[in-house]
N, C-alpha and C. Protein backbone atom coordinates (compact mmCIF):
# COMPACT_ATOMS: atom_id res chain seq x y z
N UNK A 1 0.84 -1.22 0.10
CA UNK A 1 -0.14 0.12 0.06
C UNK A 1 0.95 1.19 0.00
N UNK A 2 0.34 2.49 -0.45
CA UNK A 2 1.24 3.51 -0.90
C UNK A 2 0.78 4.68 0.13
N UNK A 3 1.42 5.67 0.24
CA UNK A 3 1.08 7.05 0.86
C UNK A 3 1.45 8.04 0.05
N UNK A 4 0.65 8.91 0.00
CA UNK A 4 0.79 10.21 -0.87
C UNK A 4 0.55 11.36 0.19
N UNK A 5 1.55 12.12 0.09
CA UNK A 5 1.52 13.35 0.87
C UNK A 5 1.23 14.46 -0.13
N UNK A 6 0.06 14.84 0.09
CA UNK A 6 -0.59 16.09 -0.54
C UNK A 6 -0.08 17.36 -0.23
N UNK A 7 -0.01 17.70 0.92
CA UNK A 7 0.63 18.93 1.44
C UNK A 7 1.00 18.67 2.99
N UNK A 8 1.41 19.73 3.71
CA UNK A 8 1.65 19.69 5.23
C UNK A 8 0.46 19.03 6.02
N UNK A 9 -0.94 19.30 5.61
CA UNK A 9 -1.95 19.02 6.57
C UNK A 9 -2.76 17.96 6.04
N UNK A 10 -2.24 17.36 4.81
CA UNK A 10 -3.25 16.40 4.07
C UNK A 10 -2.34 15.14 3.46
N UNK A 11 -2.59 13.97 4.27
CA UNK A 11 -2.06 12.96 3.75
C UNK A 11 -2.96 11.59 3.38
N UNK A 12 -2.80 10.92 2.31
CA UNK A 12 -3.21 9.89 1.86
C UNK A 12 -2.67 8.82 2.21
N UNK A 13 -3.30 7.74 3.04
CA UNK A 13 -2.50 6.49 3.22
C UNK A 13 -3.39 5.30 2.91
N UNK A 14 -2.78 4.14 2.67
CA UNK A 14 -3.43 3.02 2.24
C UNK A 14 -4.02 2.95 0.72
N UNK A 15 -3.30 3.74 -0.02
CA UNK A 15 -3.87 4.10 -1.31
C UNK A 15 -3.61 2.67 -2.01
N UNK A 16 -4.94 2.32 -2.65
CA UNK A 16 -4.78 1.14 -3.53
C UNK A 16 -5.57 1.32 -4.79
N UNK A 17 -5.16 0.88 -5.82
CA UNK A 17 -5.60 0.99 -7.34
C UNK A 17 -6.54 -0.32 -7.42
N UNK A 18 -7.77 -0.25 -7.80
CA UNK A 18 -8.58 -1.17 -8.56
C UNK A 18 -8.91 -1.28 -9.85
N UNK A 19 -8.57 -2.43 -10.77
CA UNK A 19 -9.06 -2.25 -12.03
C UNK A 19 -9.89 -3.44 -12.48
N UNK A 20 -11.12 -3.16 -13.02
CA UNK A 20 -11.81 -3.87 -13.52
C UNK A 20 -11.96 -3.88 -15.25
N UNK A 21 -12.68 -4.75 -15.92
CA UNK A 21 -12.67 -4.74 -17.32
C UNK A 21 -13.19 -3.19 -17.87
N UNK A 22 -14.01 -2.60 -17.03
CA UNK A 22 -14.65 -1.33 -17.43
C UNK A 22 -14.44 -0.32 -16.23
N UNK A 23 -13.83 -0.45 -15.12
CA UNK A 23 -13.61 0.62 -14.23
C UNK A 23 -12.18 0.48 -13.62
N UNK A 24 -11.71 1.70 -13.21
CA UNK A 24 -10.52 1.91 -12.47
C UNK A 24 -10.93 2.92 -10.97
N UNK A 25 -10.39 2.43 -10.22
CA UNK A 25 -10.70 3.25 -8.89
C UNK A 25 -9.57 3.17 -7.83
N UNK A 26 -9.38 4.34 -7.20
CA UNK A 26 -8.44 4.24 -6.08
C UNK A 26 -9.27 4.64 -4.71
N UNK A 27 -8.87 3.63 -3.87
CA UNK A 27 -9.48 4.06 -2.53
C UNK A 27 -8.25 4.50 -1.63
N UNK A 28 -8.49 5.21 -0.71
CA UNK A 28 -7.62 5.77 0.41
C UNK A 28 -8.14 6.13 1.63
N UNK A 29 -7.31 6.29 2.72
CA UNK A 29 -7.75 6.90 3.85
C UNK A 29 -7.06 8.32 4.01
N UNK A 30 -7.82 9.26 4.36
CA UNK A 30 -7.19 10.60 4.36
C UNK A 30 -7.36 11.02 5.53
N UNK A 31 -6.36 11.68 6.16
CA UNK A 31 -6.30 12.26 7.50
C UNK A 31 -6.16 13.76 7.51
N UNK A 32 -7.41 14.11 7.90
CA UNK A 32 -7.65 15.76 7.92
C UNK A 32 -7.95 16.11 9.45
N UNK A 33 -6.95 17.02 9.82
CA UNK A 33 -7.34 17.77 11.37
C UNK A 33 -7.54 16.25 12.28
N UNK A 34 -6.64 15.38 11.86
CA UNK A 34 -6.85 14.16 12.90
C UNK A 34 -7.97 13.19 12.71
N UNK A 35 -8.73 13.47 11.64
CA UNK A 35 -9.90 12.61 11.38
C UNK A 35 -9.58 11.54 10.38
N UNK A 36 -9.92 10.31 10.35
CA UNK A 36 -9.55 9.56 9.32
C UNK A 36 -10.86 9.47 8.53
N UNK A 37 -10.65 9.65 7.33
CA UNK A 37 -11.65 9.84 6.28
C UNK A 37 -11.63 8.89 5.16
N UNK A 38 -12.36 8.10 4.67
CA UNK A 38 -12.28 7.03 3.35
C UNK A 38 -12.75 7.61 2.36
N UNK A 39 -11.85 7.65 1.15
CA UNK A 39 -12.37 8.53 0.06
C UNK A 39 -11.87 7.39 -1.06
N UNK A 40 -12.68 7.60 -2.38
CA UNK A 40 -12.66 6.77 -3.32
C UNK A 40 -12.64 7.79 -4.48
N UNK A 41 -11.55 7.40 -5.63
CA UNK A 41 -11.55 7.96 -6.78
C UNK A 41 -11.89 7.18 -7.92
N UNK A 42 -12.96 7.46 -8.89
CA UNK A 42 -13.29 7.03 -10.13
C UNK A 42 -12.70 7.76 -11.09
N UNK A 43 -11.46 6.87 -11.58
CA UNK A 43 -10.59 7.31 -12.78
C UNK A 43 -11.40 7.61 -14.05
N UNK A 44 -12.18 6.63 -14.46
CA UNK A 44 -13.06 7.03 -15.59
C UNK A 44 -14.03 8.13 -15.63
N UNK A 45 -14.79 8.60 -14.40
CA UNK A 45 -15.56 9.72 -14.34
C UNK A 45 -14.76 10.77 -13.66
N UNK A 46 -13.64 10.61 -13.23
CA UNK A 46 -12.73 11.99 -12.83
C UNK A 46 -13.66 12.39 -11.55
N UNK A 47 -14.17 11.23 -10.55
CA UNK A 47 -15.05 11.73 -9.43
C UNK A 47 -14.38 11.30 -8.18
N UNK A 48 -14.32 12.38 -7.17
CA UNK A 48 -13.94 11.99 -5.90
C UNK A 48 -15.06 12.00 -4.83
N UNK A 49 -15.03 10.78 -4.23
CA UNK A 49 -16.05 10.63 -3.19
C UNK A 49 -15.40 10.52 -1.95
N UNK A 50 -15.82 11.61 -0.84
CA UNK A 50 -15.52 11.57 0.35
C UNK A 50 -16.45 10.96 1.21
N UNK A 51 -16.31 9.73 1.80
CA UNK A 51 -17.32 9.18 2.40
C UNK A 51 -17.85 10.00 3.49
N UNK A 52 -16.93 10.35 4.45
CA UNK A 52 -17.25 10.90 5.53
C UNK A 52 -17.10 12.30 5.36
N UNK A 53 -17.72 13.10 4.34
CA UNK A 53 -17.60 14.55 4.01
C UNK A 53 -18.17 15.38 5.26
N UNK A 54 -19.01 14.86 6.20
CA UNK A 54 -19.53 15.74 7.08
C UNK A 54 -18.40 16.10 8.27
N UNK A 55 -17.34 15.32 8.05
CA UNK A 55 -16.21 15.39 9.08
C UNK A 55 -15.22 16.74 8.64
N UNK A 56 -15.44 17.29 7.58
CA UNK A 56 -14.54 18.25 7.03
C UNK A 56 -15.45 19.65 7.11
N UNK A 57 -14.86 20.50 7.40
CA UNK A 57 -15.52 21.94 7.44
C UNK A 57 -16.07 22.18 6.02
N UNK A 58 -17.22 22.87 6.13
CA UNK A 58 -17.80 23.27 4.85
C UNK A 58 -16.93 23.98 3.66
N UNK A 59 -16.11 24.85 4.28
CA UNK A 59 -15.45 26.02 3.52
C UNK A 59 -14.42 25.09 2.82
N UNK A 60 -13.92 24.09 3.52
CA UNK A 60 -12.67 23.47 2.83
C UNK A 60 -12.98 22.14 2.16
N UNK A 61 -14.10 21.89 1.97
CA UNK A 61 -14.56 20.52 1.37
C UNK A 61 -14.20 20.69 -0.11
N UNK A 62 -14.46 21.69 -0.76
CA UNK A 62 -14.26 21.83 -2.25
C UNK A 62 -12.75 21.87 -2.42
N UNK A 63 -11.77 22.56 -1.46
CA UNK A 63 -10.52 22.69 -1.74
C UNK A 63 -9.77 21.24 -1.66
N UNK A 64 -10.29 20.37 -0.72
CA UNK A 64 -9.79 19.34 -0.36
C UNK A 64 -10.04 18.45 -1.55
N UNK A 65 -11.33 18.37 -1.90
CA UNK A 65 -11.94 17.49 -3.14
C UNK A 65 -10.79 17.70 -4.46
N UNK A 66 -10.58 19.01 -4.68
CA UNK A 66 -9.66 19.35 -5.76
C UNK A 66 -8.22 18.97 -5.57
N UNK A 67 -8.00 19.15 -4.50
CA UNK A 67 -6.46 18.65 -3.94
C UNK A 67 -6.28 17.09 -4.23
N UNK A 68 -7.12 16.39 -3.82
CA UNK A 68 -7.20 14.88 -3.87
C UNK A 68 -7.32 14.53 -5.28
N UNK A 69 -8.46 15.24 -6.00
CA UNK A 69 -8.32 14.93 -7.26
C UNK A 69 -7.11 14.94 -8.23
N UNK A 70 -6.53 16.18 -7.88
CA UNK A 70 -5.02 16.30 -8.50
C UNK A 70 -4.06 15.30 -8.30
N UNK A 71 -4.16 14.67 -6.95
CA UNK A 71 -3.15 13.84 -6.50
C UNK A 71 -3.43 12.65 -7.36
N UNK A 72 -4.62 12.04 -7.57
CA UNK A 72 -5.04 10.74 -8.00
C UNK A 72 -4.52 11.01 -9.53
N UNK A 73 -5.02 12.09 -10.33
CA UNK A 73 -4.75 12.18 -11.55
C UNK A 73 -3.27 12.12 -11.83
N UNK A 74 -2.45 12.77 -11.16
CA UNK A 74 -0.99 12.68 -11.16
C UNK A 74 -0.48 11.18 -11.14
N UNK A 75 -0.90 10.56 -10.16
CA UNK A 75 -0.64 9.16 -9.93
C UNK A 75 -1.01 8.35 -11.21
N UNK A 76 -1.95 8.67 -11.67
CA UNK A 76 -2.42 7.70 -12.63
C UNK A 76 -1.53 7.99 -13.88
N UNK A 77 -1.17 9.37 -14.18
CA UNK A 77 -0.47 9.57 -15.29
C UNK A 77 0.94 9.08 -15.19
N UNK A 78 1.78 9.19 -13.88
CA UNK A 78 2.85 8.80 -13.52
C UNK A 78 3.01 7.14 -13.86
N UNK A 79 2.01 6.39 -13.77
CA UNK A 79 1.87 5.02 -13.86
C UNK A 79 2.24 4.74 -15.43
N UNK A 80 1.84 5.83 -16.30
CA UNK A 80 1.98 5.62 -17.74
C UNK A 80 3.51 5.79 -18.28
N UNK A 81 4.47 6.40 -16.93
CA UNK A 81 5.77 6.55 -17.62
C UNK A 81 6.56 5.52 -18.37
N UNK A 82 6.42 4.16 -17.31
CA UNK A 82 7.12 3.20 -18.06
C UNK A 82 6.63 2.70 -19.31
N UNK A 83 5.23 2.74 -19.51
CA UNK A 83 4.66 2.36 -20.70
C UNK A 83 4.99 3.11 -21.96
N UNK A 84 5.12 4.53 -21.73
CA UNK A 84 5.56 5.43 -22.47
C UNK A 84 6.84 5.39 -23.06
N UNK A 85 7.71 5.11 -22.13
CA UNK A 85 9.23 5.00 -22.44
C UNK A 85 9.44 3.66 -23.22
N UNK A 86 8.73 2.58 -23.01
CA UNK A 86 8.70 1.21 -23.75
C UNK A 86 7.99 1.54 -25.06
N UNK A 87 7.17 2.36 -25.15
CA UNK A 87 6.53 2.46 -26.58
C UNK A 87 7.37 3.38 -27.32
N UNK A 88 8.09 4.21 -26.78
CA UNK A 88 9.18 5.21 -27.68
C UNK A 88 10.29 4.07 -28.10
N UNK A 89 10.72 3.34 -27.17
CA UNK A 89 11.85 2.56 -27.52
C UNK A 89 11.42 1.48 -28.67
N UNK A 90 10.25 0.94 -28.47
CA UNK A 90 9.62 -0.04 -29.47
C UNK A 90 9.71 0.67 -30.63
N UNK A 91 9.11 2.06 -30.80
CA UNK A 91 8.88 2.67 -32.04
C UNK A 91 10.35 3.07 -32.67
N UNK A 92 11.36 3.37 -31.90
CA UNK A 92 12.45 3.72 -32.57
C UNK A 92 13.28 2.43 -33.01
N UNK A 93 13.27 1.47 -32.20
CA UNK A 93 13.99 -0.08 -32.69
C UNK A 93 13.15 -0.24 -34.21
N UNK A 94 11.77 -0.22 -34.26
CA UNK A 94 11.28 -0.72 -35.45
C UNK A 94 11.50 0.25 -36.62
N UNK A 95 11.87 1.37 -36.49
CA UNK A 95 11.94 2.38 -37.45
C UNK A 95 13.54 2.20 -37.91
N UNK A 96 14.34 1.90 -36.85
CA UNK A 96 15.85 1.58 -37.10
C UNK A 96 15.93 0.24 -37.81
N UNK A 97 14.94 -0.75 -37.66
CA UNK A 97 15.50 -2.10 -38.25
C UNK A 97 14.43 -2.03 -39.67
N UNK A 98 13.86 -0.99 -39.93
CA UNK A 98 13.19 -0.81 -41.35
C UNK A 98 11.86 -1.82 -41.35
N UNK A 99 11.25 -1.92 -40.12
CA UNK A 99 10.01 -2.80 -40.07
C UNK A 99 8.84 -2.05 -41.16
N UNK A 100 7.95 -2.88 -41.64
CA UNK A 100 7.00 -2.39 -42.32
C UNK A 100 6.14 -1.06 -41.97
N UNK A 101 5.78 -0.26 -42.96
CA UNK A 101 5.40 0.94 -42.48
C UNK A 101 4.00 1.05 -41.75
N UNK A 102 3.16 -0.14 -42.13
CA UNK A 102 1.91 -0.31 -41.16
C UNK A 102 2.03 -0.65 -39.88
N UNK A 103 3.17 -1.36 -39.64
CA UNK A 103 3.41 -1.87 -38.30
C UNK A 103 4.04 -0.49 -37.47
N UNK A 104 5.02 0.16 -38.03
CA UNK A 104 5.42 1.49 -37.49
C UNK A 104 4.39 2.52 -36.90
N UNK A 105 3.48 2.60 -38.26
CA UNK A 105 2.40 3.66 -37.77
C UNK A 105 1.50 3.21 -36.61
N UNK A 106 1.32 1.62 -36.34
CA UNK A 106 0.48 1.11 -35.05
C UNK A 106 1.49 1.60 -33.79
N UNK A 107 2.60 1.45 -33.93
CA UNK A 107 3.69 1.88 -32.79
C UNK A 107 3.62 3.30 -32.72
N UNK A 108 3.55 4.04 -33.65
CA UNK A 108 3.60 5.45 -33.52
C UNK A 108 2.30 6.04 -32.94
N UNK A 109 1.20 5.48 -33.47
CA UNK A 109 -0.21 5.60 -32.69
C UNK A 109 -0.13 5.49 -31.15
N UNK A 110 0.33 4.30 -30.62
CA UNK A 110 0.40 3.94 -29.45
C UNK A 110 1.14 4.98 -28.59
N UNK A 111 2.38 5.28 -28.91
CA UNK A 111 3.30 6.22 -28.49
C UNK A 111 2.77 7.64 -28.55
N UNK A 112 2.02 7.96 -29.40
CA UNK A 112 1.54 9.30 -29.27
C UNK A 112 0.15 9.43 -28.31
N UNK A 113 -0.45 8.49 -28.45
CA UNK A 113 -1.40 8.37 -27.42
C UNK A 113 -1.11 8.56 -26.04
N UNK A 114 -0.20 7.61 -25.54
CA UNK A 114 0.42 7.85 -24.07
C UNK A 114 1.16 9.22 -23.83
N UNK A 115 1.72 9.61 -24.89
CA UNK A 115 2.38 11.03 -24.58
C UNK A 115 1.66 11.90 -24.40
N UNK A 116 0.42 12.02 -25.13
CA UNK A 116 -0.86 12.93 -24.91
C UNK A 116 -1.14 13.02 -23.87
N UNK A 117 -1.67 11.72 -23.26
CA UNK A 117 -2.06 11.51 -21.92
C UNK A 117 -1.20 12.56 -20.84
N UNK A 118 0.03 12.22 -20.82
CA UNK A 118 0.91 12.69 -20.10
C UNK A 118 0.96 14.20 -20.32
N UNK A 119 1.10 14.55 -21.37
CA UNK A 119 0.86 15.82 -21.78
C UNK A 119 -0.19 16.95 -21.27
N UNK A 120 -1.24 16.39 -21.32
CA UNK A 120 -2.47 16.78 -21.02
C UNK A 120 -2.60 16.97 -19.53
N UNK A 121 -1.76 16.13 -18.66
CA UNK A 121 -1.97 16.10 -17.31
C UNK A 121 -0.73 17.26 -16.77
N UNK A 122 -0.08 17.84 -17.79
CA UNK A 122 1.10 18.76 -17.66
C UNK A 122 2.29 18.23 -16.76
N UNK A 123 2.58 17.08 -17.31
CA UNK A 123 3.58 16.44 -16.77
C UNK A 123 4.88 15.85 -17.89
N UNK A 124 4.75 16.60 -19.01
CA UNK A 124 5.67 16.32 -20.07
C UNK A 124 7.05 16.37 -19.77
N UNK A 125 7.52 17.56 -19.00
CA UNK A 125 8.65 17.98 -18.58
C UNK A 125 9.25 16.96 -17.54
N UNK A 126 8.60 16.51 -16.48
CA UNK A 126 8.79 15.39 -15.64
C UNK A 126 8.97 14.25 -16.39
N UNK A 127 8.26 13.66 -17.28
CA UNK A 127 8.18 12.76 -18.00
C UNK A 127 9.73 12.71 -18.84
N UNK A 128 10.01 13.71 -19.47
CA UNK A 128 11.28 13.91 -20.22
C UNK A 128 12.59 13.49 -19.00
N UNK A 129 12.38 14.19 -18.13
CA UNK A 129 13.55 13.76 -17.15
C UNK A 129 13.45 12.38 -16.73
N UNK A 130 12.49 11.64 -16.60
CA UNK A 130 12.54 10.37 -16.27
C UNK A 130 12.75 9.27 -17.32
N UNK A 131 12.38 9.89 -18.44
CA UNK A 131 12.74 9.08 -19.72
C UNK A 131 14.28 9.08 -20.01
N UNK A 132 14.92 10.35 -19.79
CA UNK A 132 16.36 10.52 -20.01
C UNK A 132 17.21 10.03 -18.79
N UNK A 133 16.80 9.70 -17.65
CA UNK A 133 17.46 9.20 -16.53
C UNK A 133 17.95 7.90 -16.78
């Protein structure tokens, strides 16, 4: 199980990801002002569910929800880093070895798809550092 430190006062612990055929969700325990709160993030719907929402001050609920959403989205995208680097390597190898154009186009499509997901999350610079390390 994983722990994500959101900021000085918000920590997500027992972070787990569950994937089904048509679903992907994260669950975690969030500690806010000493209160343990269960949360669920639906990756497909981009929806955060704070189960014990009533334990959070009303004026802080929206801010906490957005912070948690951002953390889960970032975690999802960072999971793509190994797949994206593998896709880049596979594409470059196929081009270098002169594989058929139709095969290369499929590899290029997959590579661009993964890179667009990373870019849309605003993490392309971090990914570049990861890929070059």
